[in-house]
Amino acid sequence: MFPNRVQRLLTVYAAAMAAGVVGVQIVITVQDQRITLLSTAALAAVAIGYSIFLVTHRRTLHRVRYASLTADLIGYVLVNGSYWLHAGYLWATGQGSAVDAPWYGMLFGMSATWGLGLAIHCWASIRGHGFEDALI
């Protein structure tokens, strides 16, 4: 019963994250495909929501094997994937010149930095011995 609760929780979280990153990409689109202070503020709002979710549901997530890691993976894929898909669309439609220095910071800097943290989280989840008593 408990893993089903976590599954529902992660599904709602993924839907909320997807809606948030779509909102960020819409802000970028209406700002002439530029990464601006407004689009960064929109991303910060998504990041705050992500953080609030992880903090408020920490106990629940830690009771099911790899649920916390799954939440981290969902965030990474949706946020970074949305930027890569948007940039790919711009390149494919001949608007590649819009992908300037702020875009490269988001694409490479955010992906690499967060990716390193995610790799550490994966390693710690696999090596950790705190999940043996967790539900599968």
N, C-alpha and C. Protein backbone atom coordinates (compact mmCIF):
# COMPACT_ATOMS: atom_id res chain seq x y z
N MET A 1 0.82 -1.19 0.00
CA MET A 1 0.00 0.00 0.00
C MET A 1 0.87 1.26 0.00
N PHE A 2 1.90 1.28 0.83
CA PHE A 2 2.74 2.47 0.95
C PHE A 2 3.46 2.82 -0.35
N PRO A 3 4.04 1.83 -1.09
CA PRO A 3 4.68 2.21 -2.36
C PRO A 3 3.71 2.84 -3.35
N ASN A 4 2.43 2.43 -3.32
CA ASN A 4 1.45 3.06 -4.21
C ASN A 4 1.26 4.53 -3.89
N ARG A 5 1.32 4.86 -2.60
CA ARG A 5 1.21 6.26 -2.19
C ARG A 5 2.39 7.06 -2.75
N VAL A 6 3.57 6.50 -2.67
CA VAL A 6 4.76 7.18 -3.19
C VAL A 6 4.68 7.29 -4.71
N GLN A 7 4.17 6.26 -5.36
CA GLN A 7 4.02 6.30 -6.81
C GLN A 7 3.08 7.44 -7.21
N ARG A 8 1.96 7.57 -6.52
CA ARG A 8 1.03 8.67 -6.81
C ARG A 8 1.69 10.02 -6.53
N LEU A 9 2.41 10.09 -5.42
CA LEU A 9 3.09 11.33 -5.05
C LEU A 9 4.11 11.73 -6.12
N LEU A 10 4.89 10.79 -6.61
CA LEU A 10 5.88 11.08 -7.65
C LEU A 10 5.22 11.44 -8.98
N THR A 11 4.07 10.84 -9.26
CA THR A 11 3.35 11.16 -10.49
C THR A 11 2.84 12.60 -10.46
N VAL A 12 2.27 13.00 -9.35
CA VAL A 12 1.79 14.38 -9.21
C VAL A 12 2.97 15.35 -9.27
N TYR A 13 4.06 14.98 -8.60
CA TYR A 13 5.28 15.80 -8.62
C TYR A 13 5.80 15.96 -10.06
N ALA A 14 5.85 14.86 -10.81
CA ALA A 14 6.35 14.92 -12.19
C ALA A 14 5.44 15.81 -13.05
N ALA A 15 4.15 15.70 -12.86
CA ALA A 15 3.22 16.54 -13.62
C ALA A 15 3.40 18.02 -13.28
N ALA A 16 3.57 18.30 -11.99
CA ALA A 16 3.79 19.69 -11.57
C ALA A 16 5.11 20.22 -12.12
N MET A 17 6.15 19.41 -12.08
CA MET A 17 7.45 19.83 -12.63
C MET A 17 7.34 20.07 -14.14
N ALA A 18 6.64 19.17 -14.83
CA ALA A 18 6.46 19.32 -16.28
C ALA A 18 5.73 20.63 -16.58
N ALA A 19 4.68 20.92 -15.83
CA ALA A 19 3.95 22.17 -16.03
C ALA A 19 4.86 23.37 -15.75
N GLY A 20 5.67 23.27 -14.72
CA GLY A 20 6.58 24.36 -14.38
C GLY A 20 7.60 24.63 -15.47
N VAL A 21 8.21 23.57 -16.01
CA VAL A 21 9.24 23.79 -17.04
C VAL A 21 8.62 24.22 -18.36
N VAL A 22 7.40 23.78 -18.64
CA VAL A 22 6.71 24.29 -19.83
C VAL A 22 6.49 25.80 -19.67
N GLY A 23 6.10 26.20 -18.47
CA GLY A 23 5.94 27.63 -18.19
C GLY A 23 7.23 28.40 -18.40
N VAL A 24 8.34 27.85 -17.93
CA VAL A 24 9.65 28.50 -18.12
C VAL A 24 9.95 28.64 -19.60
N GLN A 25 9.72 27.59 -20.37
CA GLN A 25 10.02 27.64 -21.81
C GLN A 25 9.10 28.60 -22.54
N ILE A 26 7.86 28.75 -22.08
CA ILE A 26 6.95 29.75 -22.66
C ILE A 26 7.47 31.15 -22.39
N VAL A 27 7.95 31.38 -21.18
CA VAL A 27 8.53 32.69 -20.85
C VAL A 27 9.71 32.99 -21.77
N ILE A 28 10.56 32.00 -21.99
CA ILE A 28 11.71 32.19 -22.89
C ILE A 28 11.23 32.50 -24.30
N THR A 29 10.21 31.78 -24.74
CA THR A 29 9.69 31.98 -26.09
C THR A 29 9.14 33.39 -26.28
N VAL A 30 8.37 33.87 -25.34
CA VAL A 30 7.79 35.21 -25.49
C VAL A 30 8.84 36.31 -25.28
N GLN A 31 9.98 35.95 -24.76
CA GLN A 31 11.06 36.92 -24.58
C GLN A 31 12.05 36.84 -25.74
N ASP A 32 11.55 36.51 -26.92
CA ASP A 32 12.35 36.45 -28.14
C ASP A 32 13.44 35.38 -28.05
N GLN A 33 13.11 34.26 -27.43
CA GLN A 33 14.01 33.10 -27.30
C GLN A 33 15.28 33.41 -26.50
N ARG A 34 15.21 34.37 -25.63
CA ARG A 34 16.38 34.77 -24.84
C ARG A 34 16.23 34.34 -23.39
N ILE A 35 17.34 33.96 -22.79
CA ILE A 35 17.39 33.70 -21.36
C ILE A 35 17.54 35.07 -20.70
N THR A 36 16.55 35.45 -19.92
CA THR A 36 16.53 36.78 -19.30
C THR A 36 16.35 36.63 -17.80
N LEU A 37 16.33 37.76 -17.14
CA LEU A 37 16.09 37.76 -15.70
C LEU A 37 14.71 37.16 -15.39
N LEU A 38 13.73 37.45 -16.22
CA LEU A 38 12.39 36.92 -16.02
C LEU A 38 12.36 35.40 -16.17
N SER A 39 13.02 34.87 -17.19
CA SER A 39 13.03 33.41 -17.38
C SER A 39 13.83 32.73 -16.27
N THR A 40 14.86 33.40 -15.79
CA THR A 40 15.63 32.86 -14.67
C THR A 40 14.80 32.87 -13.39
N ALA A 41 14.00 33.90 -13.21
CA ALA A 41 13.10 33.96 -12.05
C ALA A 41 12.06 32.85 -12.13
N ALA A 42 11.55 32.58 -13.34
CA ALA A 42 10.60 31.49 -13.51
C ALA A 42 11.24 30.15 -13.17
N LEU A 43 12.49 29.96 -13.60
CA LEU A 43 13.21 28.73 -13.26
C LEU A 43 13.45 28.66 -11.75
N ALA A 44 13.74 29.79 -11.13
CA ALA A 44 13.94 29.80 -9.68
C ALA A 44 12.66 29.39 -8.96
N ALA A 45 11.51 29.79 -9.49
CA ALA A 45 10.23 29.38 -8.89
C ALA A 45 10.06 27.86 -8.99
N VAL A 46 10.44 27.28 -10.12
CA VAL A 46 10.39 25.82 -10.27
C VAL A 46 11.35 25.17 -9.28
N ALA A 47 12.54 25.73 -9.14
CA ALA A 47 13.54 25.18 -8.21
C ALA A 47 13.04 25.26 -6.77
N ILE A 48 12.36 26.33 -6.41
CA ILE A 48 11.81 26.45 -5.06
C ILE A 48 10.74 25.40 -4.84
N GLY A 49 9.88 25.20 -5.83
CA GLY A 49 8.86 24.15 -5.73
C GLY A 49 9.49 22.77 -5.59
N TYR A 50 10.54 22.53 -6.35
CA TYR A 50 11.30 21.27 -6.29
C TYR A 50 11.87 21.07 -4.88
N SER A 51 12.46 22.11 -4.34
CA SER A 51 13.05 22.03 -3.00
C SER A 51 11.99 21.81 -1.92
N ILE A 52 10.88 22.52 -2.04
CA ILE A 52 9.80 22.36 -1.07
C ILE A 52 9.27 20.93 -1.10
N PHE A 53 9.10 20.38 -2.30
CA PHE A 53 8.64 19.00 -2.42
C PHE A 53 9.60 18.04 -1.72
N LEU A 54 10.89 18.18 -2.01
CA LEU A 54 11.88 17.26 -1.42
C LEU A 54 11.92 17.37 0.10
N VAL A 55 11.78 18.58 0.62
CA VAL A 55 11.82 18.78 2.08
C VAL A 55 10.54 18.27 2.74
N THR A 56 9.40 18.62 2.18
CA THR A 56 8.14 18.25 2.84
C THR A 56 7.82 16.76 2.72
N HIS A 57 8.36 16.09 1.72
CA HIS A 57 8.06 14.67 1.53
C HIS A 57 9.29 13.78 1.77
N ARG A 58 10.28 14.32 2.43
CA ARG A 58 11.52 13.59 2.65
C ARG A 58 11.29 12.24 3.33
N ARG A 59 10.55 12.24 4.41
CA ARG A 59 10.31 10.99 5.16
C ARG A 59 9.62 9.95 4.29
N THR A 60 8.61 10.38 3.58
CA THR A 60 7.87 9.46 2.72
C THR A 60 8.77 8.89 1.63
N LEU A 61 9.55 9.74 1.00
CA LEU A 61 10.43 9.30 -0.08
C LEU A 61 11.51 8.35 0.41
N HIS A 62 11.99 8.54 1.61
CA HIS A 62 13.07 7.70 2.13
C HIS A 62 12.58 6.34 2.60
N ARG A 63 11.29 6.14 2.66
CA ARG A 63 10.75 4.86 3.10
C ARG A 63 10.58 3.86 1.97
N VAL A 64 10.70 4.33 0.75
CA VAL A 64 10.59 3.44 -0.41
C VAL A 64 11.91 3.51 -1.16
N ARG A 65 12.44 2.34 -1.45
CA ARG A 65 13.75 2.25 -2.09
C ARG A 65 13.83 3.11 -3.35
N TYR A 66 14.83 3.95 -3.40
CA TYR A 66 15.17 4.81 -4.54
C TYR A 66 14.12 5.87 -4.88
N ALA A 67 13.14 6.10 -4.03
CA ALA A 67 12.12 7.12 -4.33
C ALA A 67 12.73 8.52 -4.35
N SER A 68 13.62 8.81 -3.42
CA SER A 68 14.28 10.11 -3.39
C SER A 68 15.14 10.31 -4.65
N LEU A 69 15.84 9.27 -5.04
CA LEU A 69 16.64 9.33 -6.25
C LEU A 69 15.75 9.52 -7.47
N THR A 70 14.61 8.85 -7.50
CA THR A 70 13.67 9.00 -8.60
C THR A 70 13.18 10.44 -8.70
N ALA A 71 12.87 11.05 -7.57
CA ALA A 71 12.44 12.45 -7.57
C ALA A 71 13.54 13.34 -8.14
N ASP A 72 14.78 13.09 -7.76
CA ASP A 72 15.90 13.86 -8.28
C ASP A 72 16.05 13.65 -9.79
N LEU A 73 15.92 12.41 -10.23
CA LEU A 73 16.01 12.10 -11.67
C LEU A 73 14.90 12.79 -12.46
N ILE A 74 13.69 12.78 -11.92
CA ILE A 74 12.57 13.45 -12.59
C ILE A 74 12.88 14.94 -12.78
N GLY A 75 13.35 15.57 -11.72
CA GLY A 75 13.69 16.99 -11.81
C GLY A 75 14.77 17.26 -12.83
N TYR A 76 15.82 16.45 -12.79
CA TYR A 76 16.95 16.64 -13.71
C TYR A 76 16.50 16.49 -15.17
N VAL A 77 15.79 15.42 -15.45
CA VAL A 77 15.38 15.16 -16.83
C VAL A 77 14.41 16.22 -17.34
N LEU A 78 13.44 16.59 -16.53
CA LEU A 78 12.46 17.57 -17.00
C LEU A 78 13.05 18.96 -17.16
N VAL A 79 13.83 19.41 -16.21
CA VAL A 79 14.39 20.76 -16.30
C VAL A 79 15.45 20.83 -17.40
N ASN A 80 16.45 19.98 -17.33
CA ASN A 80 17.51 20.03 -18.34
C ASN A 80 16.99 19.63 -19.71
N GLY A 81 16.13 18.62 -19.74
CA GLY A 81 15.57 18.18 -21.02
C GLY A 81 14.78 19.28 -21.70
N SER A 82 14.05 20.08 -20.92
CA SER A 82 13.27 21.16 -21.53
C SER A 82 14.17 22.18 -22.21
N TYR A 83 15.30 22.49 -21.59
CA TYR A 83 16.24 23.43 -22.20
C TYR A 83 16.89 22.84 -23.45
N TRP A 84 17.28 21.57 -23.39
CA TRP A 84 17.90 20.93 -24.54
C TRP A 84 16.90 20.79 -25.69
N LEU A 85 15.65 20.44 -25.39
CA LEU A 85 14.64 20.35 -26.45
C LEU A 85 14.37 21.71 -27.08
N HIS A 86 14.29 22.73 -26.25
CA HIS A 86 14.05 24.09 -26.77
C HIS A 86 15.22 24.52 -27.65
N ALA A 87 16.43 24.31 -27.19
CA ALA A 87 17.61 24.67 -27.99
C ALA A 87 17.66 23.86 -29.29
N GLY A 88 17.36 22.58 -29.21
CA GLY A 88 17.33 21.73 -30.40
C GLY A 88 16.31 22.22 -31.41
N TYR A 89 15.16 22.65 -30.92
CA TYR A 89 14.14 23.22 -31.79
C TYR A 89 14.68 24.48 -32.47
N LEU A 90 15.34 25.34 -31.71
CA LEU A 90 15.88 26.57 -32.28
C LEU A 90 16.92 26.24 -33.36
N TRP A 91 17.81 25.30 -33.08
CA TRP A 91 18.82 24.93 -34.08
C TRP A 91 18.17 24.31 -35.32
N ALA A 92 17.18 23.45 -35.11
CA ALA A 92 16.54 22.75 -36.22
C ALA A 92 15.74 23.69 -37.11
N THR A 93 15.24 24.78 -36.55
CA THR A 93 14.42 25.71 -37.32
C THR A 93 15.21 26.92 -37.82
N GLY A 94 16.53 26.83 -37.76
CA GLY A 94 17.36 27.92 -38.28
C GLY A 94 17.46 29.12 -37.37
N GLN A 95 17.08 28.97 -36.12
CA GLN A 95 17.17 30.08 -35.17
C GLN A 95 18.32 29.86 -34.19
N GLY A 96 19.29 29.09 -34.59
CA GLY A 96 20.42 28.76 -33.72
C GLY A 96 21.18 29.96 -33.20
N SER A 97 21.10 31.08 -33.91
CA SER A 97 21.81 32.27 -33.44
C SER A 97 21.22 32.79 -32.13
N ALA A 98 19.99 32.40 -31.81
CA ALA A 98 19.38 32.81 -30.54
C ALA A 98 20.04 32.10 -29.36
N VAL A 99 20.70 30.98 -29.64
CA VAL A 99 21.37 30.23 -28.57
C VAL A 99 22.71 30.89 -28.31
N ASP A 100 22.70 31.84 -27.37
CA ASP A 100 23.88 32.64 -27.07
C ASP A 100 24.49 32.20 -25.72
N ALA A 101 25.35 33.04 -25.18
CA ALA A 101 26.08 32.69 -23.94
C ALA A 101 25.16 32.30 -22.78
N PRO A 102 24.07 33.02 -22.50
CA PRO A 102 23.20 32.56 -21.41
C PRO A 102 22.59 31.18 -21.68
N TRP A 103 22.29 30.90 -22.93
CA TRP A 103 21.79 29.57 -23.28
C TRP A 103 22.86 28.52 -23.00
N TYR A 104 24.09 28.79 -23.39
CA TYR A 104 25.16 27.81 -23.15
C TYR A 104 25.38 27.57 -21.66
N GLY A 105 25.21 28.63 -20.88
CA GLY A 105 25.31 28.46 -19.43
C GLY A 105 24.24 27.52 -18.91
N MET A 106 23.01 27.69 -19.40
CA MET A 106 21.92 26.82 -18.97
C MET A 106 22.13 25.41 -19.48
N LEU A 107 22.51 25.28 -20.75
CA LEU A 107 22.65 23.95 -21.34
C LEU A 107 23.80 23.16 -20.73
N PHE A 108 24.97 23.77 -20.71
CA PHE A 108 26.15 23.03 -20.28
C PHE A 108 26.44 23.19 -18.79
N GLY A 109 26.36 24.41 -18.29
CA GLY A 109 26.66 24.64 -16.87
C GLY A 109 25.68 23.94 -15.95
N MET A 110 24.39 24.14 -16.22
CA MET A 110 23.38 23.53 -15.35
C MET A 110 23.38 22.01 -15.50
N SER A 111 23.47 21.51 -16.72
CA SER A 111 23.47 20.06 -16.92
C SER A 111 24.67 19.40 -16.26
N ALA A 112 25.84 20.00 -16.42
CA ALA A 112 27.05 19.40 -15.85
C ALA A 112 27.07 19.47 -14.33
N THR A 113 26.74 20.63 -13.78
CA THR A 113 26.77 20.80 -12.33
C THR A 113 25.74 19.91 -11.65
N TRP A 114 24.52 19.97 -12.13
CA TRP A 114 23.46 19.15 -11.56
C TRP A 114 23.74 17.67 -11.83
N GLY A 115 24.27 17.37 -13.01
CA GLY A 115 24.62 15.98 -13.35
C GLY A 115 25.64 15.40 -12.40
N LEU A 116 26.62 16.20 -12.00
CA LEU A 116 27.62 15.73 -11.03
C LEU A 116 26.95 15.42 -9.70
N GLY A 117 26.09 16.32 -9.24
CA GLY A 117 25.36 16.07 -8.00
C GLY A 117 24.47 14.85 -8.11
N LEU A 118 23.85 14.66 -9.26
CA LEU A 118 23.00 13.49 -9.47
C LEU A 118 23.82 12.21 -9.48
N ALA A 119 25.00 12.25 -10.08
CA ALA A 119 25.87 11.07 -10.08
C ALA A 119 26.28 10.70 -8.65
N ILE A 120 26.57 11.71 -7.85
CA ILE A 120 26.91 11.46 -6.43
C ILE A 120 25.70 10.87 -5.71
N HIS A 121 24.51 11.40 -5.98
CA HIS A 121 23.30 10.88 -5.36
C HIS A 121 23.08 9.42 -5.77
N CYS A 122 23.29 9.10 -7.04
CA CYS A 122 23.16 7.70 -7.51
C CYS A 122 24.14 6.80 -6.78
N TRP A 123 25.38 7.21 -6.73
CA TRP A 123 26.41 6.41 -6.07
C TRP A 123 26.07 6.20 -4.60
N ALA A 124 25.67 7.28 -3.93
CA ALA A 124 25.33 7.18 -2.51
C ALA A 124 24.11 6.29 -2.29
N SER A 125 23.13 6.36 -3.18
CA SER A 125 21.94 5.52 -3.05
C SER A 125 22.27 4.04 -3.20
N ILE A 126 23.16 3.74 -4.11
CA ILE A 126 23.55 2.35 -4.34
C ILE A 126 24.43 1.85 -3.20
N ARG A 127 25.36 2.67 -2.77
CA ARG A 127 26.31 2.27 -1.72
C ARG A 127 25.70 2.33 -0.32
N GLY A 128 24.68 3.15 -0.15
CA GLY A 128 24.09 3.35 1.18
C GLY A 128 23.45 2.07 1.69
N HIS A 129 23.49 1.93 3.00
CA HIS A 129 22.90 0.74 3.60
C HIS A 129 21.67 1.09 4.40
N GLY A 130 21.09 2.25 4.16
CA GLY A 130 19.93 2.68 4.91
C GLY A 130 18.62 2.25 4.30
N PHE A 131 18.67 1.53 3.16
CA PHE A 131 17.41 1.19 2.50
C PHE A 131 17.02 -0.28 2.68
N GLU A 132 17.79 -1.05 3.38
CA GLU A 132 17.47 -2.47 3.53
C GLU A 132 16.12 -2.70 4.19
N ASP A 133 15.75 -1.83 5.11
CA ASP A 133 14.49 -1.98 5.82
C ASP A 133 13.34 -1.28 5.09
N ALA A 134 13.65 -0.64 3.99
CA ALA A 134 12.62 0.08 3.25
C ALA A 134 11.74 -0.90 2.48
N LEU A 135 10.56 -0.45 2.15
CA LEU A 135 9.67 -1.25 1.33
C LEU A 135 10.19 -1.28 -0.08
N ILE A 136 9.96 -2.35 -0.77
CA ILE A 136 10.42 -2.47 -2.15
C ILE A 136 9.29 -2.13 -3.09
